[in-house]
PDB file of all heavy atoms in Angstrom:
ATOM      1  N   ALA A   1      -2.770  -5.626  -5.322  1.00  0.00           N
ATOM      2  CA  ALA A   1      -3.420  -6.645  -4.478  1.00  0.00           C
ATOM      3  C   ALA A   1      -3.003  -8.066  -4.848  1.00  0.00           C
ATOM      4  O   ALA A   1      -2.965  -8.939  -3.977  1.00  0.00           O
ATOM      5  CB  ALA A   1      -4.938  -6.496  -4.547  1.00  0.00           C
ATOM      6  N   ASP A   2      -2.660  -8.301  -6.104  1.00  0.00           N
ATOM      7  CA  ASP A   2      -2.276  -9.648  -6.533  1.00  0.00           C
ATOM      8  C   ASP A   2      -0.778  -9.895  -6.438  1.00  0.00           C
ATOM      9  O   ASP A   2      -0.309 -10.979  -6.781  1.00  0.00           O
ATOM     10  CB  ASP A   2      -2.734  -9.889  -7.972  1.00  0.00           C
ATOM     11  CG  ASP A   2      -4.248  -9.933  -8.100  1.00  0.00           C
ATOM     12  OD1 ASP A   2      -4.930 -10.210  -7.089  1.00  0.00           O
ATOM     13  OD2 ASP A   2      -4.747  -9.669  -9.206  1.00  0.00           O
ATOM     14  N   LEU A   3      -0.036  -8.903  -5.990  1.00  0.00           N
ATOM     15  CA  LEU A   3       1.413  -9.050  -5.853  1.00  0.00           C
ATOM     16  C   LEU A   3       1.748  -9.482  -4.431  1.00  0.00           C
ATOM     17  O   LEU A   3       1.036  -9.165  -3.484  1.00  0.00           O
ATOM     18  CB  LEU A   3       2.109  -7.717  -6.174  1.00  0.00           C
ATOM     19  CG  LEU A   3       1.811  -7.110  -7.546  1.00  0.00           C
ATOM     20  CD1 LEU A   3       2.527  -5.765  -7.688  1.00  0.00           C
ATOM     21  CD2 LEU A   3       2.202  -8.055  -8.656  1.00  0.00           C
ATOM     22  N   ASP A   4       2.825 -10.182  -4.280  1.00  0.00           N
ATOM     23  CA  ASP A   4       3.251 -10.635  -2.958  1.00  0.00           C
ATOM     24  C   ASP A   4       4.160  -9.573  -2.335  1.00  0.00           C
ATOM     25  O   ASP A   4       5.374  -9.733  -2.290  1.00  0.00           O
ATOM     26  CB  ASP A   4       3.979 -11.976  -3.082  1.00  0.00           C
ATOM     27  CG  ASP A   4       4.364 -12.545  -1.747  1.00  0.00           C
ATOM     28  OD1 ASP A   4       3.727 -12.204  -0.727  1.00  0.00           O
ATOM     29  OD2 ASP A   4       5.340 -13.333  -1.698  1.00  0.00           O
ATOM     30  N   LEU A   5       3.542  -8.479  -1.872  1.00  0.00           N
ATOM     31  CA  LEU A   5       4.307  -7.389  -1.281  1.00  0.00           C
ATOM     32  C   LEU A   5       4.712  -7.725   0.151  1.00  0.00           C
ATOM     33  O   LEU A   5       3.913  -8.257   0.914  1.00  0.00           O
ATOM     34  CB  LEU A   5       3.482  -6.098  -1.264  1.00  0.00           C
ATOM     35  CG  LEU A   5       3.025  -5.530  -2.600  1.00  0.00           C
ATOM     36  CD1 LEU A   5       2.227  -4.248  -2.379  1.00  0.00           C
ATOM     37  CD2 LEU A   5       4.196  -5.276  -3.523  1.00  0.00           C
ATOM     38  N   SER A   6       5.921  -7.346   0.514  1.00  0.00           N
ATOM     39  CA  SER A   6       6.345  -7.514   1.902  1.00  0.00           C
ATOM     40  C   SER A   6       5.975  -6.294   2.732  1.00  0.00           C
ATOM     41  O   SER A   6       5.953  -6.365   3.957  1.00  0.00           O
ATOM     42  CB  SER A   6       7.850  -7.773   1.980  1.00  0.00           C
ATOM     43  OG  SER A   6       8.568  -6.689   1.435  1.00  0.00           O
ATOM     44  N   ALA A   7       5.677  -5.179   2.057  1.00  0.00           N
ATOM     45  CA  ALA A   7       5.310  -3.958   2.770  1.00  0.00           C
ATOM     46  C   ALA A   7       4.358  -3.116   1.912  1.00  0.00           C
ATOM     47  O   ALA A   7       4.536  -3.008   0.702  1.00  0.00           O
ATOM     48  CB  ALA A   7       6.554  -3.138   3.104  1.00  0.00           C
ATOM     49  N   PHE A   8       3.369  -2.558   2.577  1.00  0.00           N
ATOM     50  CA  PHE A   8       2.463  -1.586   1.971  1.00  0.00           C
ATOM     51  C   PHE A   8       2.251  -0.545   3.058  1.00  0.00           C
ATOM     52  O   PHE A   8       1.448  -0.721   3.961  1.00  0.00           O
ATOM     53  CB  PHE A   8       1.135  -2.245   1.576  1.00  0.00           C
ATOM     54  CG  PHE A   8       0.237  -1.370   0.744  1.00  0.00           C
ATOM     55  CD1 PHE A   8       0.256  -1.449  -0.647  1.00  0.00           C
ATOM     56  CD2 PHE A   8      -0.632  -0.473   1.336  1.00  0.00           C
ATOM     57  CE1 PHE A   8      -0.574  -0.657  -1.415  1.00  0.00           C
ATOM     58  CE2 PHE A   8      -1.467   0.328   0.574  1.00  0.00           C
ATOM     59  CZ  PHE A   8      -1.439   0.239  -0.809  1.00  0.00           C
ATOM     60  N   VAL A   9       3.051   0.519   2.999  1.00  0.00           N
ATOM     61  CA  VAL A   9       3.115   1.498   4.077  1.00  0.00           C
ATOM     62  C   VAL A   9       2.431   2.791   3.641  1.00  0.00           C
ATOM     63  O   VAL A   9       2.726   3.333   2.572  1.00  0.00           O
ATOM     64  CB  VAL A   9       4.583   1.785   4.470  1.00  0.00           C
ATOM     65  CG1 VAL A   9       4.654   2.801   5.599  1.00  0.00           C
ATOM     66  CG2 VAL A   9       5.294   0.489   4.852  1.00  0.00           C
ATOM     67  N   LEU A  10       1.534   3.264   4.483  1.00  0.00           N
ATOM     68  CA  LEU A  10       0.778   4.481   4.216  1.00  0.00           C
ATOM     69  C   LEU A  10       1.173   5.544   5.240  1.00  0.00           C
ATOM     70  O   LEU A  10       1.078   5.302   6.446  1.00  0.00           O
ATOM     71  CB  LEU A  10      -0.715   4.189   4.318  1.00  0.00           C
ATOM     72  CG  LEU A  10      -1.220   3.082   3.388  1.00  0.00           C
ATOM     73  CD1 LEU A  10      -2.545   2.520   3.882  1.00  0.00           C
ATOM     74  CD2 LEU A  10      -1.333   3.604   1.980  1.00  0.00           C
ATOM     75  N   PHE A  11       1.629   6.699   4.778  1.00  0.00           N
ATOM     76  CA  PHE A  11       1.954   7.796   5.680  1.00  0.00           C
ATOM     77  C   PHE A  11       0.680   8.554   5.989  1.00  0.00           C
ATOM     78  O   PHE A  11       0.193   9.352   5.204  1.00  0.00           O
ATOM     79  CB  PHE A  11       3.002   8.729   5.071  1.00  0.00           C
ATOM     80  CG  PHE A  11       4.406   8.319   5.383  1.00  0.00           C
ATOM     81  CD1 PHE A  11       4.913   7.139   4.878  1.00  0.00           C
ATOM     82  CD2 PHE A  11       5.205   9.100   6.194  1.00  0.00           C
ATOM     83  CE1 PHE A  11       6.198   6.746   5.174  1.00  0.00           C
ATOM     84  CE2 PHE A  11       6.494   8.714   6.497  1.00  0.00           C
ATOM     85  CZ  PHE A  11       6.995   7.523   5.983  1.00  0.00           C
ATOM     86  N   SER A  12       0.125   8.283   7.151  1.00  0.00           N
ATOM     87  CA  SER A  12      -1.078   8.929   7.634  1.00  0.00           C
ATOM     88  C   SER A  12      -0.653  10.093   8.525  1.00  0.00           C
ATOM     89  O   SER A  12       0.479  10.556   8.443  1.00  0.00           O
ATOM     90  CB  SER A  12      -1.916   7.898   8.405  1.00  0.00           C
ATOM     91  OG  SER A  12      -3.078   8.473   8.925  1.00  0.00           O
ATOM     92  N   SER A  13      -1.542  10.545   9.356  1.00  0.00           N
ATOM     93  CA  SER A  13      -1.229  11.664  10.235  1.00  0.00           C
ATOM     94  C   SER A  13      -1.994  11.552  11.536  1.00  0.00           C
ATOM     95  O   SER A  13      -3.140  11.092  11.549  1.00  0.00           O
ATOM     96  CB  SER A  13      -1.603  12.982   9.553  1.00  0.00           C
ATOM     97  OG  SER A  13      -1.541  14.049  10.468  1.00  0.00           O
ATOM     98  N   ALA A  14      -1.368  11.999  12.602  1.00  0.00           N
ATOM     99  CA  ALA A  14      -2.066  12.065  13.886  1.00  0.00           C
ATOM    100  C   ALA A  14      -3.276  12.980  13.769  1.00  0.00           C
ATOM    101  O   ALA A  14      -4.216  12.890  14.547  1.00  0.00           O
ATOM    102  CB  ALA A  14      -1.117  12.561  14.975  1.00  0.00           C
ATOM    103  N   GLY A  15      -3.271  13.853  12.753  1.00  0.00           N
ATOM    104  CA  GLY A  15      -4.388  14.756  12.511  1.00  0.00           C
ATOM    105  C   GLY A  15      -5.684  14.030  12.183  1.00  0.00           C
ATOM    106  O   GLY A  15      -6.756  14.616  12.259  1.00  0.00           O
ATOM    107  N   GLY A  16      -5.614  12.770  11.842  1.00  0.00           N
ATOM    108  CA  GLY A  16      -6.815  11.976  11.628  1.00  0.00           C
ATOM    109  C   GLY A  16      -7.410  11.501  12.943  1.00  0.00           C
ATOM    110  O   GLY A  16      -8.530  11.006  12.979  1.00  0.00           O
ATOM    111  N   LEU A  17      -6.639  11.649  14.023  1.00  0.00           N
ATOM    112  CA  LEU A  17      -7.063  11.141  15.325  1.00  0.00           C
ATOM    113  C   LEU A  17      -7.278  12.240  16.355  1.00  0.00           C
ATOM    114  O   LEU A  17      -8.240  12.217  17.113  1.00  0.00           O
ATOM    115  CB  LEU A  17      -5.999  10.166  15.864  1.00  0.00           C
ATOM    116  CG  LEU A  17      -5.624   9.014  14.937  1.00  0.00           C
ATOM    117  CD1 LEU A  17      -4.392   8.294  15.460  1.00  0.00           C
ATOM    118  CD2 LEU A  17      -6.781   8.053  14.799  1.00  0.00           C
ATOM    119  N   VAL A  18      -6.350  13.186  16.415  1.00  0.00           N
ATOM    120  CA  VAL A  18      -6.399  14.243  17.434  1.00  0.00           C
ATOM    121  C   VAL A  18      -5.945  15.570  16.849  1.00  0.00           C
ATOM    122  O   VAL A  18      -5.219  15.620  15.858  1.00  0.00           O
ATOM    123  CB  VAL A  18      -5.494  13.913  18.646  1.00  0.00           C
ATOM    124  CG1 VAL A  18      -5.972  12.687  19.387  1.00  0.00           C
ATOM    125  CG2 VAL A  18      -4.048  13.739  18.209  1.00  0.00           C
ATOM    126  N   LEU A  19      -6.352  16.642  17.462  1.00  0.00           N
ATOM    127  CA  LEU A  19      -5.871  17.989  17.163  1.00  0.00           C
ATOM    128  C   LEU A  19      -5.920  18.357  15.688  1.00  0.00           C
ATOM    129  O   LEU A  19      -4.980  18.938  15.154  1.00  0.00           O
ATOM    130  CB  LEU A  19      -4.449  18.169  17.704  1.00  0.00           C
ATOM    131  CG  LEU A  19      -4.293  18.001  19.213  1.00  0.00           C
ATOM    132  CD1 LEU A  19      -2.829  18.077  19.599  1.00  0.00           C
ATOM    133  CD2 LEU A  19      -5.096  19.042  19.969  1.00  0.00           C
ATOM    134  N   ALA A  20      -7.015  18.044  15.019  1.00  0.00           N
ATOM    135  CA  ALA A  20      -7.133  18.347  13.593  1.00  0.00           C
ATOM    136  C   ALA A  20      -8.005  19.571  13.334  1.00  0.00           C
ATOM    137  O   ALA A  20      -8.608  19.689  12.275  1.00  0.00           O
ATOM    138  CB  ALA A  20      -7.686  17.137  12.864  1.00  0.00           C
ATOM    139  N   ALA A  21      -8.069  20.471  14.273  1.00  0.00           N
ATOM    140  CA  ALA A  21      -8.892  21.673  14.104  1.00  0.00           C
ATOM    141  C   ALA A  21      -8.518  22.386  12.815  1.00  0.00           C
ATOM    142  O   ALA A  21      -7.346  22.647  12.554  1.00  0.00           O
ATOM    143  CB  ALA A  21      -8.706  22.609  15.296  1.00  0.00           C
ATOM    144  N   GLY A  22      -9.512  22.664  11.997  1.00  0.00           N
ATOM    145  CA  GLY A  22      -9.279  23.362  10.746  1.00  0.00           C
ATOM    146  C   GLY A  22      -8.728  22.495   9.636  1.00  0.00           C
ATOM    147  O   GLY A  22      -8.320  23.002   8.604  1.00  0.00           O
ATOM    148  N   GLN A  23      -8.694  21.184   9.828  1.00  0.00           N
ATOM    149  CA  GLN A  23      -8.133  20.267   8.831  1.00  0.00           C
ATOM    150  C   GLN A  23      -9.123  19.156   8.496  1.00  0.00           C
ATOM    151  O   GLN A  23      -8.768  17.988   8.438  1.00  0.00           O
ATOM    152  CB  GLN A  23      -6.837  19.653   9.341  1.00  0.00           C
ATOM    153  CG  GLN A  23      -5.737  20.653   9.588  1.00  0.00           C
ATOM    154  CD  GLN A  23      -4.471  19.964  10.066  1.00  0.00           C
ATOM    155  OE1 GLN A  23      -4.509  18.943  10.728  1.00  0.00           O
ATOM    156  NE2 GLN A  23      -3.334  20.527   9.712  1.00  0.00           N
ATOM    157  N   ALA A  24     -10.364  19.525   8.241  1.00  0.00           N
ATOM    158  CA  ALA A  24     -11.413  18.526   8.034  1.00  0.00           C
ATOM    159  C   ALA A  24     -11.094  17.564   6.898  1.00  0.00           C
ATOM    160  O   ALA A  24     -11.200  16.336   7.057  1.00  0.00           O
ATOM    161  CB  ALA A  24     -12.746  19.225   7.776  1.00  0.00           C
ATOM    162  N   SER A  25     -10.693  18.064   5.739  1.00  0.00           N
ATOM    163  CA  SER A  25     -10.435  17.190   4.593  1.00  0.00           C
ATOM    164  C   SER A  25      -9.183  16.340   4.816  1.00  0.00           C
ATOM    165  O   SER A  25      -9.151  15.149   4.481  1.00  0.00           O
ATOM    166  CB  SER A  25     -10.317  17.996   3.301  1.00  0.00           C
ATOM    167  OG  SER A  25      -9.341  18.997   3.425  1.00  0.00           O
TER     168      SER A  25
END
């Protein structure tokens, strides 16, 4: 947080938004 980063990229998933049946966690 105290560093001057030009990028902080998180690989998320569409499963957090749609079609996540059986993938609650």
